[in-house]
Amino acid sequence: MTRRFWGERGTAIVETALTLPLLLLVSVGIFEFGRAYQTWQVLTNAAREGARVAVLPNVAAGAPQARALAYMQSGQLSNAAGATIAVDTAVPISLGAAGTATGSRVTVSYPFQFIVLQPVARLIVAGSMTGAPIVLTASAEMRNETQF
């Protein structure tokens, strides 16, 4: 009778039940943070593309924002229209011993929403603001070209 209660039958299923949720959480976390890193890379490249347009002489108003938005859409960002793109064309840039120059800075902010981890976080931390998206920000700065 005691052998029946103290046997090792069922220990594998108990160990699986204890470790499988942790393994799945780590795996999903790797996927989600990989997706966040990919989104940040797209934002960085979009800011660079916008800065390349912003430094040109006689650039049309709104052209840097349009170029950055087009890059974000081609980068498969689903809510690219929800991004904030700020352009500053009078940024002082240090050239070291040669002095300073005027440059342009393009800053892109994008609300990023986790797919799986957001609802999991809401289950764990009830009543918190974990449902709000995370704002990813990237900026690029380049020296303005001069027209001769």
N, C-alpha and C. Protein backbone atom coordinates (compact mmCIF):
# COMPACT_ATOMS: atom_id res chain seq x y z
N MET A 1 0.81 -1.19 0.00
CA MET A 1 0.00 0.00 0.00
C MET A 1 0.87 1.27 0.00
N THR A 2 1.93 1.26 0.84
CA THR A 2 2.79 2.45 0.88
C THR A 2 3.54 2.63 -0.43
N ARG A 3 3.79 1.54 -1.11
CA ARG A 3 4.47 1.63 -2.41
C ARG A 3 3.61 2.39 -3.41
N ARG A 4 2.32 2.22 -3.32
CA ARG A 4 1.42 2.91 -4.22
C ARG A 4 1.46 4.43 -3.99
N PHE A 5 1.55 4.89 -2.74
CA PHE A 5 1.56 6.33 -2.44
C PHE A 5 2.93 6.96 -2.67
N TRP A 6 3.99 6.21 -2.49
CA TRP A 6 5.33 6.78 -2.58
C TRP A 6 6.04 6.37 -3.86
N GLY A 7 5.38 5.85 -4.82
CA GLY A 7 6.00 5.48 -6.09
C GLY A 7 6.31 6.74 -6.91
N GLU A 8 7.03 6.53 -7.99
CA GLU A 8 7.44 7.65 -8.83
C GLU A 8 6.54 7.83 -10.04
N ARG A 9 5.41 7.18 -10.05
CA ARG A 9 4.48 7.34 -11.16
C ARG A 9 3.89 8.74 -11.13
N GLY A 10 3.88 9.39 -12.27
CA GLY A 10 3.30 10.72 -12.37
C GLY A 10 4.25 11.86 -12.11
N THR A 11 5.48 11.57 -11.70
CA THR A 11 6.42 12.67 -11.42
C THR A 11 6.80 13.39 -12.70
N ALA A 12 6.86 12.70 -13.81
CA ALA A 12 7.23 13.34 -15.08
C ALA A 12 6.18 14.37 -15.50
N ILE A 13 4.93 14.03 -15.31
CA ILE A 13 3.87 14.97 -15.68
C ILE A 13 3.85 16.17 -14.75
N VAL A 14 4.16 15.97 -13.48
CA VAL A 14 4.22 17.08 -12.53
C VAL A 14 5.40 17.99 -12.87
N GLU A 15 6.54 17.41 -13.21
CA GLU A 15 7.70 18.21 -13.59
C GLU A 15 7.42 18.99 -14.87
N THR A 16 6.74 18.36 -15.81
CA THR A 16 6.38 19.05 -17.05
C THR A 16 5.41 20.19 -16.77
N ALA A 17 4.45 19.94 -15.89
CA ALA A 17 3.48 20.98 -15.56
C ALA A 17 4.14 22.17 -14.87
N LEU A 18 5.22 21.94 -14.16
CA LEU A 18 5.91 23.03 -13.48
C LEU A 18 6.87 23.78 -14.41
N THR A 19 7.52 23.10 -15.33
CA THR A 19 8.54 23.74 -16.16
C THR A 19 8.02 24.25 -17.50
N LEU A 20 6.98 23.65 -18.05
CA LEU A 20 6.49 24.05 -19.36
C LEU A 20 6.02 25.51 -19.42
N PRO A 21 5.26 26.01 -18.43
CA PRO A 21 4.88 27.43 -18.50
C PRO A 21 6.08 28.38 -18.49
N LEU A 22 7.08 28.05 -17.70
CA LEU A 22 8.27 28.90 -17.67
C LEU A 22 9.02 28.86 -19.01
N LEU A 23 9.13 27.68 -19.59
CA LEU A 23 9.79 27.54 -20.88
C LEU A 23 9.03 28.30 -21.97
N LEU A 24 7.72 28.21 -21.95
CA LEU A 24 6.91 28.93 -22.94
C LEU A 24 7.01 30.44 -22.75
N LEU A 25 7.03 30.90 -21.51
CA LEU A 25 7.16 32.33 -21.23
C LEU A 25 8.50 32.87 -21.72
N VAL A 26 9.56 32.13 -21.51
CA VAL A 26 10.87 32.56 -21.99
C VAL A 26 10.90 32.57 -23.51
N SER A 27 10.35 31.55 -24.15
CA SER A 27 10.32 31.49 -25.61
C SER A 27 9.52 32.64 -26.20
N VAL A 28 8.34 32.88 -25.67
CA VAL A 28 7.51 33.98 -26.17
C VAL A 28 8.19 35.32 -25.91
N GLY A 29 8.85 35.46 -24.78
CA GLY A 29 9.59 36.69 -24.48
C GLY A 29 10.69 36.94 -25.49
N ILE A 30 11.39 35.90 -25.90
CA ILE A 30 12.44 36.05 -26.91
C ILE A 30 11.83 36.51 -28.23
N PHE A 31 10.71 35.92 -28.62
CA PHE A 31 10.05 36.33 -29.86
C PHE A 31 9.56 37.77 -29.79
N GLU A 32 8.93 38.13 -28.68
CA GLU A 32 8.37 39.47 -28.55
C GLU A 32 9.46 40.55 -28.53
N PHE A 33 10.52 40.32 -27.77
CA PHE A 33 11.58 41.32 -27.72
C PHE A 33 12.36 41.36 -29.03
N GLY A 34 12.42 40.25 -29.74
CA GLY A 34 13.00 40.26 -31.09
C GLY A 34 12.17 41.11 -32.03
N ARG A 35 10.86 41.02 -31.92
CA ARG A 35 9.97 41.85 -32.74
C ARG A 35 10.11 43.33 -32.37
N ALA A 36 10.27 43.62 -31.08
CA ALA A 36 10.46 45.00 -30.64
C ALA A 36 11.79 45.55 -31.17
N TYR A 37 12.83 44.73 -31.16
CA TYR A 37 14.14 45.16 -31.67
C TYR A 37 14.07 45.40 -33.18
N GLN A 38 13.36 44.56 -33.91
CA GLN A 38 13.20 44.75 -35.34
C GLN A 38 12.44 46.06 -35.61
N THR A 39 11.41 46.35 -34.84
CA THR A 39 10.66 47.59 -35.00
C THR A 39 11.55 48.79 -34.73
N TRP A 40 12.40 48.71 -33.71
CA TRP A 40 13.31 49.80 -33.40
C TRP A 40 14.30 50.02 -34.54
N GLN A 41 14.76 48.93 -35.17
CA GLN A 41 15.67 49.06 -36.31
C GLN A 41 14.98 49.75 -37.48
N VAL A 42 13.72 49.42 -37.74
CA VAL A 42 12.97 50.08 -38.81
C VAL A 42 12.81 51.57 -38.49
N LEU A 43 12.55 51.90 -37.22
CA LEU A 43 12.42 53.31 -36.84
C LEU A 43 13.73 54.06 -37.01
N THR A 44 14.84 53.43 -36.66
CA THR A 44 16.15 54.06 -36.83
C THR A 44 16.43 54.34 -38.30
N ASN A 45 16.15 53.36 -39.15
CA ASN A 45 16.38 53.56 -40.58
C ASN A 45 15.42 54.59 -41.16
N ALA A 46 14.18 54.64 -40.67
CA ALA A 46 13.23 55.65 -41.14
C ALA A 46 13.71 57.05 -40.75
N ALA A 47 14.26 57.20 -39.55
CA ALA A 47 14.80 58.49 -39.14
C ALA A 47 15.98 58.89 -40.02
N ARG A 48 16.82 57.94 -40.38
CA ARG A 48 17.95 58.23 -41.28
C ARG A 48 17.47 58.66 -42.65
N GLU A 49 16.46 57.96 -43.17
CA GLU A 49 15.91 58.33 -44.47
C GLU A 49 15.31 59.73 -44.43
N GLY A 50 14.59 60.04 -43.38
CA GLY A 50 14.03 61.38 -43.23
C GLY A 50 15.11 62.44 -43.11
N ALA A 51 16.20 62.13 -42.39
CA ALA A 51 17.30 63.08 -42.24
C ALA A 51 18.02 63.29 -43.57
N ARG A 52 18.13 62.26 -44.39
CA ARG A 52 18.76 62.41 -45.71
C ARG A 52 17.99 63.40 -46.58
N VAL A 53 16.67 63.39 -46.45
CA VAL A 53 15.85 64.33 -47.22
C VAL A 53 15.90 65.71 -46.57
N ALA A 54 15.93 65.78 -45.25
CA ALA A 54 15.88 67.06 -44.54
C ALA A 54 17.13 67.90 -44.77
N VAL A 55 18.27 67.29 -45.06
CA VAL A 55 19.51 68.05 -45.22
C VAL A 55 19.67 68.64 -46.61
N LEU A 56 18.83 68.26 -47.54
CA LEU A 56 18.93 68.77 -48.90
C LEU A 56 18.54 70.24 -48.96
N PRO A 57 19.19 71.02 -49.85
CA PRO A 57 18.78 72.42 -49.98
C PRO A 57 17.43 72.51 -50.70
N ASN A 58 16.65 73.49 -50.32
CA ASN A 58 15.34 73.77 -50.93
C ASN A 58 14.40 72.56 -50.87
N VAL A 59 14.36 71.89 -49.74
CA VAL A 59 13.48 70.73 -49.59
C VAL A 59 12.05 71.21 -49.34
N ALA A 60 11.11 70.50 -49.90
CA ALA A 60 9.70 70.85 -49.73
C ALA A 60 9.26 70.58 -48.30
N ALA A 61 8.33 71.37 -47.82
CA ALA A 61 7.80 71.19 -46.47
C ALA A 61 7.08 69.86 -46.38
N GLY A 62 7.39 69.08 -45.37
CA GLY A 62 6.75 67.79 -45.16
C GLY A 62 7.41 66.64 -45.89
N ALA A 63 8.42 66.91 -46.70
CA ALA A 63 9.10 65.84 -47.44
C ALA A 63 9.86 64.88 -46.52
N PRO A 64 10.57 65.37 -45.49
CA PRO A 64 11.25 64.42 -44.60
C PRO A 64 10.27 63.50 -43.85
N GLN A 65 9.14 64.07 -43.41
CA GLN A 65 8.14 63.26 -42.72
C GLN A 65 7.55 62.22 -43.67
N ALA A 66 7.28 62.62 -44.90
CA ALA A 66 6.71 61.69 -45.88
C ALA A 66 7.68 60.56 -46.19
N ARG A 67 8.97 60.87 -46.30
CA ARG A 67 9.96 59.83 -46.60
C ARG A 67 10.10 58.85 -45.43
N ALA A 68 10.13 59.37 -44.21
CA ALA A 68 10.22 58.50 -43.04
C ALA A 68 8.98 57.63 -42.91
N LEU A 69 7.81 58.20 -43.15
CA LEU A 69 6.57 57.43 -43.09
C LEU A 69 6.53 56.35 -44.16
N ALA A 70 6.99 56.67 -45.36
CA ALA A 70 7.03 55.68 -46.44
C ALA A 70 7.97 54.53 -46.09
N TYR A 71 9.10 54.85 -45.45
CA TYR A 71 10.03 53.79 -45.05
C TYR A 71 9.41 52.90 -43.98
N MET A 72 8.70 53.50 -43.04
CA MET A 72 8.05 52.72 -41.99
C MET A 72 6.98 51.80 -42.56
N GLN A 73 6.23 52.28 -43.54
CA GLN A 73 5.22 51.44 -44.17
C GLN A 73 5.85 50.31 -44.97
N SER A 74 6.97 50.59 -45.65
CA SER A 74 7.65 49.52 -46.38
C SER A 74 8.34 48.55 -45.42
N GLY A 75 8.59 48.98 -44.19
CA GLY A 75 9.16 48.12 -43.16
C GLY A 75 8.13 47.30 -42.43
N GLN A 76 6.89 47.28 -42.94
CA GLN A 76 5.80 46.45 -42.43
C GLN A 76 5.32 46.84 -41.04
N LEU A 77 5.45 48.12 -40.68
CA LEU A 77 4.88 48.57 -39.41
C LEU A 77 3.40 48.81 -39.63
N SER A 78 2.59 48.12 -38.87
CA SER A 78 1.14 48.12 -39.11
C SER A 78 0.49 49.47 -38.84
N ASN A 79 0.96 50.19 -37.85
CA ASN A 79 0.34 51.46 -37.46
C ASN A 79 1.32 52.61 -37.69
N ALA A 80 1.87 52.69 -38.91
CA ALA A 80 2.86 53.73 -39.19
C ALA A 80 2.24 55.12 -39.11
N ALA A 81 0.95 55.25 -39.40
CA ALA A 81 0.28 56.55 -39.32
C ALA A 81 0.19 57.04 -37.87
N GLY A 82 0.29 56.16 -36.90
CA GLY A 82 0.25 56.55 -35.50
C GLY A 82 1.59 57.05 -34.97
N ALA A 83 2.60 57.07 -35.82
CA ALA A 83 3.93 57.53 -35.41
C ALA A 83 3.99 59.05 -35.39
N THR A 84 4.89 59.57 -34.58
CA THR A 84 5.16 61.00 -34.53
C THR A 84 6.53 61.24 -35.12
N ILE A 85 6.60 62.11 -36.12
CA ILE A 85 7.86 62.40 -36.80
C ILE A 85 8.14 63.89 -36.64
N ALA A 86 9.22 64.22 -35.92
CA ALA A 86 9.59 65.61 -35.68
C ALA A 86 10.88 65.93 -36.43
N VAL A 87 10.90 67.08 -37.11
CA VAL A 87 12.07 67.50 -37.88
C VAL A 87 12.54 68.85 -37.35
N ASP A 88 13.82 68.93 -37.01
CA ASP A 88 14.44 70.19 -36.59
C ASP A 88 15.60 70.45 -37.54
N THR A 89 15.51 71.54 -38.32
CA THR A 89 16.53 71.81 -39.35
C THR A 89 17.59 72.79 -38.89
N ALA A 90 17.61 73.17 -37.64
CA ALA A 90 18.59 74.14 -37.13
C ALA A 90 19.31 73.59 -35.91
N VAL A 91 19.89 72.42 -36.05
CA VAL A 91 20.61 71.79 -34.95
C VAL A 91 22.10 72.07 -35.11
N PRO A 92 22.76 72.65 -34.10
CA PRO A 92 24.21 72.86 -34.21
C PRO A 92 24.95 71.53 -34.06
N ILE A 93 25.87 71.28 -34.99
CA ILE A 93 26.67 70.06 -34.99
C ILE A 93 28.12 70.44 -34.82
N SER A 94 28.78 69.82 -33.86
CA SER A 94 30.19 70.09 -33.62
C SER A 94 31.04 69.35 -34.64
N LEU A 95 31.98 70.06 -35.25
CA LEU A 95 32.91 69.46 -36.20
C LEU A 95 34.29 69.29 -35.60
N GLY A 96 34.37 69.36 -34.30
CA GLY A 96 35.66 69.23 -33.61
C GLY A 96 36.41 70.55 -33.67
N ALA A 97 37.68 70.50 -34.08
CA ALA A 97 38.51 71.70 -34.15
C ALA A 97 38.08 72.62 -35.28
N ALA A 98 37.35 72.11 -36.26
CA ALA A 98 36.92 72.92 -37.40
C ALA A 98 35.75 73.83 -37.06
N GLY A 99 35.14 73.70 -35.91
CA GLY A 99 34.04 74.57 -35.51
C GLY A 99 32.72 73.83 -35.46
N THR A 100 31.67 74.53 -35.85
CA THR A 100 30.34 73.94 -35.83
C THR A 100 29.67 74.15 -37.20
N ALA A 101 28.65 73.38 -37.44
CA ALA A 101 27.85 73.50 -38.66
C ALA A 101 26.39 73.35 -38.27
N THR A 102 25.52 73.65 -39.20
CA THR A 102 24.10 73.49 -38.96
C THR A 102 23.64 72.16 -39.53
N GLY A 103 22.83 71.46 -38.77
CA GLY A 103 22.35 70.17 -39.22
C GLY A 103 20.86 70.02 -39.02
N SER A 104 20.38 68.87 -39.41
CA SER A 104 18.97 68.53 -39.26
C SER A 104 18.84 67.27 -38.43
N ARG A 105 17.84 67.24 -37.57
CA ARG A 105 17.57 66.07 -36.73
C ARG A 105 16.14 65.62 -36.98
N VAL A 106 15.99 64.34 -37.26
CA VAL A 106 14.67 63.74 -37.44
C VAL A 106 14.47 62.74 -36.31
N THR A 107 13.38 62.90 -35.56
CA THR A 107 13.07 62.00 -34.45
C THR A 107 11.74 61.32 -34.75
N VAL A 108 11.75 59.99 -34.67
CA VAL A 108 10.56 59.19 -34.93
C VAL A 108 10.16 58.48 -33.64
N SER A 109 8.91 58.65 -33.23
CA SER A 109 8.35 57.97 -32.06
C SER A 109 7.20 57.09 -32.52
N TYR A 110 7.18 55.86 -32.03
CA TYR A 110 6.19 54.88 -32.50
C TYR A 110 5.63 54.12 -31.31
N PRO A 111 4.29 54.03 -31.18
CA PRO A 111 3.70 53.24 -30.08
C PRO A 111 3.75 51.75 -30.41
N PHE A 112 4.55 51.01 -29.65
CA PHE A 112 4.72 49.58 -29.89
C PHE A 112 3.90 48.79 -28.89
N GLN A 113 3.15 47.82 -29.38
CA GLN A 113 2.29 46.98 -28.54
C GLN A 113 2.76 45.53 -28.64
N PHE A 114 3.06 44.92 -27.50
CA PHE A 114 3.37 43.50 -27.49
C PHE A 114 2.11 42.71 -27.84
N ILE A 115 2.26 41.58 -28.49
CA ILE A 115 1.11 40.77 -28.88
C ILE A 115 0.73 39.80 -27.77
N VAL A 116 1.68 39.05 -27.26
CA VAL A 116 1.39 38.00 -26.27
C VAL A 116 1.70 38.48 -24.86
N LEU A 117 2.78 39.18 -24.68
CA LEU A 117 3.20 39.56 -23.33
C LEU A 117 2.31 40.62 -22.69
N GLN A 118 1.64 41.45 -23.49
CA GLN A 118 0.77 42.48 -22.93
C GLN A 118 -0.39 41.86 -22.15
N PRO A 119 -1.14 40.90 -22.72
CA PRO A 119 -2.21 40.28 -21.92
C PRO A 119 -1.69 39.46 -20.75
N VAL A 120 -0.52 38.84 -20.90
CA VAL A 120 0.07 38.08 -19.80
C VAL A 120 0.42 39.02 -18.66
N ALA A 121 0.97 40.18 -19.00
CA ALA A 121 1.31 41.16 -17.96
C ALA A 121 0.06 41.65 -17.25
N ARG A 122 -1.04 41.81 -17.98
CA ARG A 122 -2.30 42.23 -17.35
C ARG A 122 -2.83 41.16 -16.40
N LEU A 123 -2.60 39.89 -16.72
CA LEU A 123 -3.04 38.82 -15.83
C LEU A 123 -2.23 38.80 -14.54
N ILE A 124 -0.94 39.05 -14.67
CA ILE A 124 -0.05 38.98 -13.51
C ILE A 124 -0.21 40.21 -12.63
N VAL A 125 -0.22 41.39 -13.23
CA VAL A 125 -0.30 42.63 -12.48
C VAL A 125 -1.67 43.24 -12.74
N ALA A 126 -2.65 42.83 -11.97
CA ALA A 126 -4.02 43.31 -12.16
C ALA A 126 -4.14 44.77 -11.74
N GLY A 127 -4.85 45.53 -12.55
CA GLY A 127 -5.12 46.92 -12.22
C GLY A 127 -4.00 47.88 -12.56
N SER A 128 -2.96 47.42 -13.25
CA SER A 128 -1.87 48.33 -13.58
C SER A 128 -2.05 48.86 -15.00
N MET A 129 -1.19 49.74 -15.41
CA MET A 129 -1.26 50.35 -16.73
C MET A 129 -0.41 49.57 -17.74
N THR A 130 -0.30 48.27 -17.57
CA THR A 130 0.54 47.49 -18.49
C THR A 130 -0.09 47.32 -19.85
N GLY A 131 -1.32 47.72 -20.04
CA GLY A 131 -1.95 47.61 -21.34
C GLY A 131 -1.57 48.74 -22.28
N ALA A 132 -0.92 49.77 -21.77
CA ALA A 132 -0.53 50.90 -22.60
C ALA A 132 0.66 50.51 -23.48
N PRO A 133 0.70 51.01 -24.71
CA PRO A 133 1.84 50.67 -25.57
C PRO A 133 3.12 51.34 -25.09
N ILE A 134 4.22 50.74 -25.47
CA ILE A 134 5.54 51.29 -25.18
C ILE A 134 5.93 52.19 -26.35
N VAL A 135 6.42 53.37 -26.06
CA VAL A 135 6.81 54.29 -27.13
C VAL A 135 8.29 54.08 -27.44
N LEU A 136 8.57 53.60 -28.65
CA LEU A 136 9.94 53.44 -29.12
C LEU A 136 10.34 54.70 -29.87
N THR A 137 11.54 55.21 -29.63
CA THR A 137 12.00 56.45 -30.23
C THR A 137 13.37 56.25 -30.86
N ALA A 138 13.54 56.79 -32.05
CA ALA A 138 14.83 56.77 -32.74
C ALA A 138 15.04 58.12 -33.40
N SER A 139 16.29 58.57 -33.46
CA SER A 139 16.56 59.85 -34.11
C SER A 139 17.84 59.74 -34.93
N ALA A 140 17.93 60.60 -35.93
CA ALA A 140 19.11 60.68 -36.79
C ALA A 140 19.44 62.15 -37.00
N GLU A 141 20.73 62.44 -37.04
CA GLU A 141 21.20 63.80 -37.18
C GLU A 141 22.26 63.84 -38.27
N MET A 142 22.11 64.77 -39.22
CA MET A 142 23.05 64.91 -40.32
C MET A 142 23.31 66.39 -40.58
N ARG A 143 24.47 66.67 -41.13
CA ARG A 143 24.85 68.05 -41.45
C ARG A 143 24.12 68.52 -42.70
N ASN A 144 23.60 69.73 -42.67
CA ASN A 144 22.87 70.27 -43.81
C ASN A 144 23.83 70.52 -44.98
N GLU A 145 23.33 70.25 -46.18
CA GLU A 145 24.10 70.54 -47.38
C GLU A 145 23.91 72.00 -47.72
N THR A 146 24.92 72.59 -48.29
CA THR A 146 24.81 73.99 -48.70
C THR A 146 24.77 74.05 -50.21
N GLN A 147 24.05 75.01 -50.72
CA GLN A 147 23.91 75.16 -52.16
C GLN A 147 24.93 76.20 -52.62
N PHE A 148 25.73 75.84 -53.60
CA PHE A 148 26.75 76.77 -54.12
C PHE A 148 26.28 77.47 -55.34
